[in-house]
Amino acid sequence: MAGLNKVMIIGNVGTDPEMRYTASGNAVTTFRIACSRNYTTPDGERREETEWFSVVTWGKLAETCSQFLQKGRRAYVEGRLQTRSWEGSDGQRRFRTEVIANTVLFLDRPQATPLPEEETSETASPATEPEALPFEQPAPERGDSES
């Protein structure tokens, strides 16, 4: 019987993505994402609990995440869990469970670029005058006669 290893997370990106390339030239990007939940204790006290996840993306998805994701953005991540282990410099065995993402959706818009300073009425060009804007003029009211 086949198993199922699927993770779906919606949260806030906690670190700017870090992209690198493997020796074989494959792009890999890693970042952390925080997912919070609110709950009420049996005593009626409201609490918030935040869980942090390490996310790994590969290939085109890695390049896209590196280019468009940034700390603070909201994202949906879908993938599978994978645990890897290694021996630390102190000789201790270390473990890390990561989300290997196959889908990342950006749920908010990137920060808009600031608008240039608004012109004052003294420096406004004729194209910005209300009469020059390409909007229809209101129709004359009934009873007005046009000559």
N, C-alpha and C. Protein backbone atom coordinates (compact mmCIF):
# COMPACT_ATOMS: atom_id res chain seq x y z
N MET A 1 0.84 -1.17 0.00
CA MET A 1 0.00 0.00 0.00
C MET A 1 0.89 1.25 0.00
N ALA A 2 0.58 2.21 -0.85
CA ALA A 2 1.35 3.45 -0.95
C ALA A 2 1.03 4.38 0.21
N GLY A 3 1.99 5.18 0.60
CA GLY A 3 1.80 6.13 1.69
C GLY A 3 1.51 7.52 1.13
N LEU A 4 1.30 8.44 2.04
CA LEU A 4 1.05 9.82 1.66
C LEU A 4 1.91 10.73 2.52
N ASN A 5 2.68 11.59 1.89
CA ASN A 5 3.54 12.55 2.57
C ASN A 5 3.27 13.89 1.91
N LYS A 6 2.33 14.66 2.46
CA LYS A 6 1.94 15.93 1.87
C LYS A 6 1.78 16.97 2.97
N VAL A 7 2.32 18.17 2.70
CA VAL A 7 2.26 19.27 3.65
C VAL A 7 1.72 20.49 2.91
N MET A 8 0.80 21.23 3.56
CA MET A 8 0.29 22.49 3.03
C MET A 8 0.39 23.52 4.14
N ILE A 9 1.05 24.63 3.85
CA ILE A 9 1.29 25.66 4.85
C ILE A 9 0.94 27.02 4.27
N ILE A 10 0.28 27.85 5.06
CA ILE A 10 0.09 29.25 4.72
C ILE A 10 0.69 30.04 5.88
N GLY A 11 1.62 30.94 5.54
CA GLY A 11 2.26 31.71 6.60
C GLY A 11 3.05 32.86 6.05
N ASN A 12 3.86 33.43 6.92
CA ASN A 12 4.69 34.58 6.56
C ASN A 12 6.14 34.14 6.42
N VAL A 13 6.77 34.59 5.33
CA VAL A 13 8.17 34.26 5.10
C VAL A 13 8.99 34.97 6.17
N GLY A 14 9.82 34.21 6.87
CA GLY A 14 10.57 34.76 8.01
C GLY A 14 11.98 35.16 7.69
N THR A 15 12.52 34.68 6.58
CA THR A 15 13.88 35.05 6.16
C THR A 15 13.87 35.28 4.65
N ASP A 16 14.71 36.17 4.19
CA ASP A 16 14.84 36.34 2.75
C ASP A 16 15.38 35.03 2.17
N PRO A 17 14.85 34.60 1.03
CA PRO A 17 15.32 33.35 0.43
C PRO A 17 16.80 33.42 0.07
N GLU A 18 17.48 32.29 0.24
CA GLU A 18 18.89 32.17 -0.13
C GLU A 18 19.00 31.17 -1.26
N MET A 19 19.50 31.62 -2.42
CA MET A 19 19.63 30.72 -3.56
C MET A 19 21.10 30.39 -3.78
N ARG A 20 21.34 29.15 -4.17
CA ARG A 20 22.68 28.71 -4.53
C ARG A 20 22.52 27.66 -5.63
N TYR A 21 23.63 27.23 -6.17
CA TYR A 21 23.60 26.21 -7.21
C TYR A 21 24.42 25.01 -6.75
N THR A 22 23.92 23.81 -7.05
CA THR A 22 24.65 22.60 -6.72
C THR A 22 25.83 22.46 -7.69
N ALA A 23 26.71 21.50 -7.43
CA ALA A 23 27.86 21.27 -8.30
C ALA A 23 27.41 20.92 -9.72
N SER A 24 26.24 20.30 -9.85
CA SER A 24 25.73 19.93 -11.18
C SER A 24 24.94 21.06 -11.84
N GLY A 25 24.85 22.25 -11.18
CA GLY A 25 24.21 23.41 -11.78
C GLY A 25 22.73 23.57 -11.48
N ASN A 26 22.18 22.75 -10.57
CA ASN A 26 20.76 22.88 -10.21
C ASN A 26 20.58 24.00 -9.19
N ALA A 27 19.56 24.85 -9.42
CA ALA A 27 19.26 25.93 -8.49
C ALA A 27 18.52 25.36 -7.28
N VAL A 28 18.89 25.82 -6.09
CA VAL A 28 18.19 25.44 -4.86
C VAL A 28 18.04 26.69 -4.00
N THR A 29 16.83 26.93 -3.54
CA THR A 29 16.55 28.09 -2.69
C THR A 29 15.94 27.61 -1.38
N THR A 30 16.39 28.18 -0.28
CA THR A 30 15.85 27.84 1.03
C THR A 30 15.35 29.11 1.71
N PHE A 31 14.31 28.94 2.50
CA PHE A 31 13.78 30.04 3.31
C PHE A 31 12.98 29.45 4.46
N ARG A 32 12.66 30.28 5.43
CA ARG A 32 11.84 29.84 6.57
C ARG A 32 10.49 30.51 6.47
N ILE A 33 9.47 29.81 6.94
CA ILE A 33 8.12 30.34 6.94
C ILE A 33 7.48 30.07 8.30
N ALA A 34 6.76 31.05 8.81
CA ALA A 34 6.11 30.95 10.13
C ALA A 34 4.61 30.82 9.93
N CYS A 35 4.05 29.86 10.63
CA CYS A 35 2.60 29.63 10.57
C CYS A 35 2.07 29.72 12.00
N SER A 36 1.13 30.64 12.22
CA SER A 36 0.60 30.86 13.57
C SER A 36 -0.82 30.34 13.69
N ARG A 37 -1.16 29.94 14.89
CA ARG A 37 -2.54 29.56 15.19
C ARG A 37 -2.93 30.20 16.51
N ASN A 38 -4.18 30.60 16.59
CA ASN A 38 -4.73 31.17 17.82
C ASN A 38 -5.64 30.13 18.47
N TYR A 39 -5.60 30.09 19.78
CA TYR A 39 -6.46 29.16 20.50
C TYR A 39 -6.78 29.73 21.89
N THR A 40 -7.76 29.14 22.51
CA THR A 40 -8.18 29.54 23.85
C THR A 40 -7.88 28.39 24.81
N THR A 41 -7.21 28.69 25.91
CA THR A 41 -6.90 27.68 26.91
C THR A 41 -8.17 27.30 27.66
N PRO A 42 -8.16 26.19 28.37
CA PRO A 42 -9.34 25.83 29.18
C PRO A 42 -9.73 26.90 30.19
N ASP A 43 -8.77 27.77 30.57
CA ASP A 43 -9.06 28.85 31.50
C ASP A 43 -9.64 30.08 30.80
N GLY A 44 -9.81 30.02 29.49
CA GLY A 44 -10.38 31.13 28.74
C GLY A 44 -9.36 32.15 28.25
N GLU A 45 -8.10 31.88 28.43
CA GLU A 45 -7.05 32.80 28.00
C GLU A 45 -6.73 32.58 26.53
N ARG A 46 -6.66 33.68 25.75
CA ARG A 46 -6.34 33.60 24.32
C ARG A 46 -4.82 33.52 24.17
N ARG A 47 -4.37 32.59 23.31
CA ARG A 47 -2.94 32.43 23.08
C ARG A 47 -2.67 32.28 21.59
N GLU A 48 -1.44 32.60 21.22
CA GLU A 48 -0.99 32.41 19.84
C GLU A 48 0.25 31.52 19.87
N GLU A 49 0.30 30.58 18.97
CA GLU A 49 1.42 29.65 18.89
C GLU A 49 1.95 29.70 17.46
N THR A 50 3.26 29.86 17.32
CA THR A 50 3.87 29.96 15.99
C THR A 50 4.81 28.78 15.77
N GLU A 51 4.66 28.15 14.63
CA GLU A 51 5.51 27.04 14.23
C GLU A 51 6.35 27.49 13.03
N TRP A 52 7.65 27.21 13.06
CA TRP A 52 8.55 27.60 11.97
C TRP A 52 8.89 26.38 11.13
N PHE A 53 8.92 26.58 9.82
CA PHE A 53 9.24 25.51 8.88
C PHE A 53 10.38 25.96 7.97
N SER A 54 11.30 25.05 7.69
CA SER A 54 12.35 25.29 6.70
C SER A 54 11.85 24.75 5.38
N VAL A 55 11.94 25.57 4.32
CA VAL A 55 11.42 25.20 3.01
C VAL A 55 12.57 25.15 2.01
N VAL A 56 12.57 24.12 1.17
CA VAL A 56 13.58 23.95 0.13
C VAL A 56 12.86 23.87 -1.21
N THR A 57 13.30 24.66 -2.18
CA THR A 57 12.74 24.61 -3.53
C THR A 57 13.87 24.34 -4.51
N TRP A 58 13.54 23.71 -5.64
CA TRP A 58 14.53 23.32 -6.64
C TRP A 58 14.16 23.85 -8.02
N GLY A 59 15.15 24.01 -8.89
CA GLY A 59 14.94 24.33 -10.30
C GLY A 59 14.32 25.69 -10.52
N LYS A 60 13.35 25.73 -11.47
CA LYS A 60 12.68 26.99 -11.82
C LYS A 60 11.96 27.59 -10.62
N LEU A 61 11.34 26.74 -9.80
CA LEU A 61 10.64 27.22 -8.61
C LEU A 61 11.62 27.92 -7.67
N ALA A 62 12.83 27.37 -7.54
CA ALA A 62 13.86 27.99 -6.70
C ALA A 62 14.23 29.37 -7.22
N GLU A 63 14.38 29.49 -8.53
CA GLU A 63 14.73 30.79 -9.12
C GLU A 63 13.61 31.80 -8.93
N THR A 64 12.35 31.37 -9.09
CA THR A 64 11.20 32.25 -8.92
C THR A 64 11.09 32.72 -7.47
N CYS A 65 11.24 31.80 -6.52
CA CYS A 65 11.16 32.17 -5.10
C CYS A 65 12.27 33.14 -4.73
N SER A 66 13.48 32.89 -5.24
CA SER A 66 14.60 33.78 -4.95
C SER A 66 14.35 35.18 -5.49
N GLN A 67 13.70 35.26 -6.64
CA GLN A 67 13.47 36.55 -7.28
C GLN A 67 12.32 37.33 -6.64
N PHE A 68 11.23 36.66 -6.27
CA PHE A 68 10.02 37.38 -5.88
C PHE A 68 9.66 37.30 -4.40
N LEU A 69 10.13 36.31 -3.68
CA LEU A 69 9.79 36.22 -2.25
C LEU A 69 10.75 37.07 -1.43
N GLN A 70 10.25 37.58 -0.35
CA GLN A 70 11.09 38.32 0.59
C GLN A 70 10.48 38.21 1.98
N LYS A 71 11.29 38.48 2.97
CA LYS A 71 10.86 38.42 4.36
C LYS A 71 9.60 39.26 4.54
N GLY A 72 8.61 38.69 5.24
CA GLY A 72 7.37 39.40 5.53
C GLY A 72 6.24 39.10 4.56
N ARG A 73 6.55 38.57 3.38
CA ARG A 73 5.51 38.25 2.41
C ARG A 73 4.71 37.04 2.89
N ARG A 74 3.47 36.96 2.48
CA ARG A 74 2.59 35.85 2.83
C ARG A 74 2.63 34.85 1.68
N ALA A 75 2.72 33.56 2.00
CA ALA A 75 2.85 32.55 0.95
C ALA A 75 2.15 31.25 1.34
N TYR A 76 1.77 30.51 0.30
CA TYR A 76 1.23 29.15 0.44
C TYR A 76 2.32 28.22 -0.08
N VAL A 77 2.67 27.22 0.71
CA VAL A 77 3.70 26.25 0.34
C VAL A 77 3.08 24.86 0.40
N GLU A 78 3.29 24.11 -0.66
CA GLU A 78 2.80 22.72 -0.70
C GLU A 78 3.97 21.83 -1.11
N GLY A 79 4.11 20.72 -0.41
CA GLY A 79 5.20 19.81 -0.72
C GLY A 79 5.17 18.58 0.17
N ARG A 80 6.35 18.06 0.46
CA ARG A 80 6.48 16.85 1.28
C ARG A 80 7.53 17.08 2.36
N LEU A 81 7.44 16.34 3.45
CA LEU A 81 8.43 16.42 4.52
C LEU A 81 9.58 15.48 4.23
N GLN A 82 10.79 15.97 4.54
CA GLN A 82 11.97 15.13 4.39
C GLN A 82 12.91 15.44 5.55
N THR A 83 13.41 14.41 6.20
CA THR A 83 14.35 14.58 7.30
C THR A 83 15.72 14.15 6.83
N ARG A 84 16.71 14.98 7.07
CA ARG A 84 18.08 14.63 6.72
C ARG A 84 18.92 14.69 7.99
N SER A 85 20.01 13.98 7.97
CA SER A 85 20.89 13.97 9.15
C SER A 85 22.34 14.15 8.71
N TRP A 86 23.16 14.65 9.63
CA TRP A 86 24.57 14.84 9.39
C TRP A 86 25.28 14.86 10.74
N GLU A 87 26.59 14.76 10.67
CA GLU A 87 27.37 14.80 11.90
C GLU A 87 27.95 16.20 12.05
N GLY A 88 27.68 16.84 13.19
CA GLY A 88 28.17 18.18 13.46
C GLY A 88 29.65 18.20 13.74
N SER A 89 30.22 19.40 13.78
CA SER A 89 31.66 19.55 14.04
C SER A 89 32.04 19.03 15.42
N ASP A 90 31.06 18.95 16.32
CA ASP A 90 31.33 18.43 17.67
C ASP A 90 31.13 16.92 17.76
N GLY A 91 30.87 16.28 16.61
CA GLY A 91 30.70 14.83 16.59
C GLY A 91 29.28 14.37 16.88
N GLN A 92 28.38 15.28 17.20
CA GLN A 92 26.99 14.93 17.50
C GLN A 92 26.20 14.73 16.20
N ARG A 93 25.29 13.79 16.22
CA ARG A 93 24.40 13.56 15.08
C ARG A 93 23.30 14.62 15.11
N ARG A 94 23.09 15.32 14.01
CA ARG A 94 22.07 16.38 13.89
C ARG A 94 21.01 15.94 12.89
N PHE A 95 19.79 16.44 13.11
CA PHE A 95 18.66 16.12 12.23
C PHE A 95 17.94 17.40 11.88
N ARG A 96 17.42 17.46 10.69
CA ARG A 96 16.60 18.60 10.27
C ARG A 96 15.47 18.07 9.38
N THR A 97 14.25 18.47 9.73
CA THR A 97 13.09 18.13 8.91
C THR A 97 12.73 19.36 8.09
N GLU A 98 12.62 19.19 6.77
CA GLU A 98 12.37 20.30 5.86
C GLU A 98 11.16 19.99 4.99
N VAL A 99 10.53 21.06 4.50
CA VAL A 99 9.47 20.92 3.51
C VAL A 99 10.13 21.05 2.15
N ILE A 100 10.05 19.99 1.35
CA ILE A 100 10.54 20.04 -0.03
C ILE A 100 9.34 20.47 -0.86
N ALA A 101 9.35 21.73 -1.28
CA ALA A 101 8.17 22.33 -1.92
C ALA A 101 8.11 22.00 -3.41
N ASN A 102 6.89 21.71 -3.86
CA ASN A 102 6.67 21.58 -5.31
C ASN A 102 5.74 22.68 -5.81
N THR A 103 5.12 23.43 -4.87
CA THR A 103 4.27 24.57 -5.22
C THR A 103 4.48 25.67 -4.19
N VAL A 104 4.68 26.89 -4.67
CA VAL A 104 4.73 28.06 -3.79
C VAL A 104 3.89 29.14 -4.47
N LEU A 105 2.87 29.61 -3.76
CA LEU A 105 2.02 30.69 -4.28
C LEU A 105 2.23 31.93 -3.43
N PHE A 106 2.41 33.07 -4.09
CA PHE A 106 2.59 34.34 -3.39
C PHE A 106 1.20 34.90 -3.13
N LEU A 107 0.83 35.07 -1.87
CA LEU A 107 -0.53 35.43 -1.50
C LEU A 107 -0.77 36.93 -1.34
N ASP A 108 0.26 37.72 -1.33
CA ASP A 108 0.06 39.16 -1.26
C ASP A 108 0.87 39.81 -2.37
N ARG A 109 0.55 41.05 -2.61
CA ARG A 109 1.26 41.78 -3.65
C ARG A 109 2.59 42.27 -3.10
N PRO A 110 3.59 42.38 -3.97
CA PRO A 110 4.85 42.97 -3.49
C PRO A 110 4.63 44.44 -3.15
N GLN A 111 5.50 44.99 -2.36
CA GLN A 111 5.38 46.40 -1.99
C GLN A 111 5.39 47.24 -3.26
N ALA A 112 4.44 48.15 -3.35
CA ALA A 112 4.36 49.01 -4.52
C ALA A 112 5.51 50.00 -4.51
N THR A 113 5.98 50.35 -5.69
CA THR A 113 7.02 51.36 -5.75
C THR A 113 6.41 52.70 -5.39
N PRO A 114 7.14 53.52 -4.67
CA PRO A 114 6.56 54.81 -4.27
C PRO A 114 6.29 55.68 -5.49
N LEU A 115 5.23 56.45 -5.41
CA LEU A 115 4.87 57.36 -6.48
C LEU A 115 5.78 58.58 -6.42
N PRO A 116 6.07 59.18 -7.58
CA PRO A 116 6.87 60.40 -7.53
C PRO A 116 6.09 61.49 -6.79
N GLU A 117 6.80 62.46 -6.29
CA GLU A 117 6.13 63.53 -5.55
C GLU A 117 5.06 64.16 -6.42
N GLU A 118 3.92 64.44 -5.81
CA GLU A 118 2.83 65.05 -6.57
C GLU A 118 3.21 66.47 -6.95
N GLU A 119 2.80 66.84 -8.16
CA GLU A 119 3.10 68.19 -8.64
C GLU A 119 2.14 69.17 -7.98
N THR A 120 2.62 70.36 -7.74
CA THR A 120 1.74 71.40 -7.23
C THR A 120 0.99 72.00 -8.41
N SER A 121 -0.09 72.71 -8.14
CA SER A 121 -0.89 73.28 -9.22
C SER A 121 -0.08 74.29 -10.03
N GLU A 122 0.96 74.88 -9.43
CA GLU A 122 1.77 75.85 -10.15
C GLU A 122 2.65 75.18 -11.20
N THR A 123 3.08 73.93 -10.92
CA THR A 123 3.99 73.25 -11.85
C THR A 123 3.29 72.21 -12.69
N ALA A 124 1.98 72.07 -12.55
CA ALA A 124 1.26 71.05 -13.30
C ALA A 124 1.28 71.37 -14.79
N SER A 125 1.47 70.34 -15.57
CA SER A 125 1.48 70.55 -17.02
C SER A 125 0.05 70.59 -17.53
N PRO A 126 -0.18 71.17 -18.74
CA PRO A 126 -1.53 71.26 -19.26
C PRO A 126 -2.20 69.89 -19.39
N ALA A 127 -1.43 68.82 -19.59
CA ALA A 127 -2.02 67.49 -19.76
C ALA A 127 -2.67 67.00 -18.46
N THR A 128 -2.30 67.59 -17.32
CA THR A 128 -2.88 67.14 -16.07
C THR A 128 -4.04 68.01 -15.62
N GLU A 129 -4.36 69.02 -16.38
CA GLU A 129 -5.51 69.84 -16.03
C GLU A 129 -6.78 69.02 -16.24
N PRO A 130 -7.79 69.19 -15.39
CA PRO A 130 -9.00 68.38 -15.50
C PRO A 130 -9.64 68.42 -16.89
N GLU A 131 -9.60 69.57 -17.58
CA GLU A 131 -10.23 69.66 -18.89
C GLU A 131 -9.50 68.81 -19.92
N ALA A 132 -8.22 68.53 -19.70
CA ALA A 132 -7.43 67.79 -20.67
C ALA A 132 -7.49 66.28 -20.46
N LEU A 133 -8.10 65.83 -19.37
CA LEU A 133 -8.16 64.40 -19.11
C LEU A 133 -9.16 63.75 -20.06
N PRO A 134 -8.87 62.54 -20.52
CA PRO A 134 -9.71 61.89 -21.53
C PRO A 134 -10.96 61.24 -20.96
N PHE A 135 -11.77 62.01 -20.24
CA PHE A 135 -13.02 61.50 -19.71
C PHE A 135 -14.15 62.20 -20.44
N GLU A 136 -15.27 61.51 -20.49
CA GLU A 136 -16.43 62.14 -21.12
C GLU A 136 -16.92 63.28 -20.24
N GLN A 137 -17.35 64.33 -20.89
CA GLN A 137 -17.93 65.44 -20.16
C GLN A 137 -19.35 65.05 -19.78
N PRO A 138 -19.85 65.49 -18.64
CA PRO A 138 -21.21 65.13 -18.25
C PRO A 138 -22.21 65.70 -19.25
N ALA A 139 -23.25 64.93 -19.48
CA ALA A 139 -24.30 65.37 -20.39
C ALA A 139 -25.04 66.55 -19.78
N PRO A 140 -25.52 67.50 -20.63
CA PRO A 140 -26.26 68.63 -20.08
C PRO A 140 -27.53 68.14 -19.41
N GLU A 141 -27.93 68.84 -18.35
CA GLU A 141 -29.14 68.45 -17.66
C GLU A 141 -30.35 68.74 -18.53
N ARG A 142 -31.41 67.99 -18.29
CA ARG A 142 -32.64 68.20 -19.05
C ARG A 142 -33.16 69.60 -18.80
N GLY A 143 -33.69 70.18 -19.81
CA GLY A 143 -34.23 71.52 -19.67
C GLY A 143 -33.23 72.57 -20.10
N ASP A 144 -31.93 72.20 -20.15
CA ASP A 144 -30.93 73.14 -20.65
C ASP A 144 -31.03 73.17 -22.17
N SER A 145 -30.95 74.30 -22.75
CA SER A 145 -31.02 74.38 -24.20
C SER A 145 -29.62 74.62 -24.72
N GLU A 146 -29.30 73.92 -25.80
CA GLU A 146 -27.99 74.13 -26.42
C GLU A 146 -28.16 75.05 -27.58
N SER A 147 -27.32 76.02 -27.76
CA SER A 147 -27.49 76.94 -28.87
C SER A 147 -26.43 76.74 -29.92
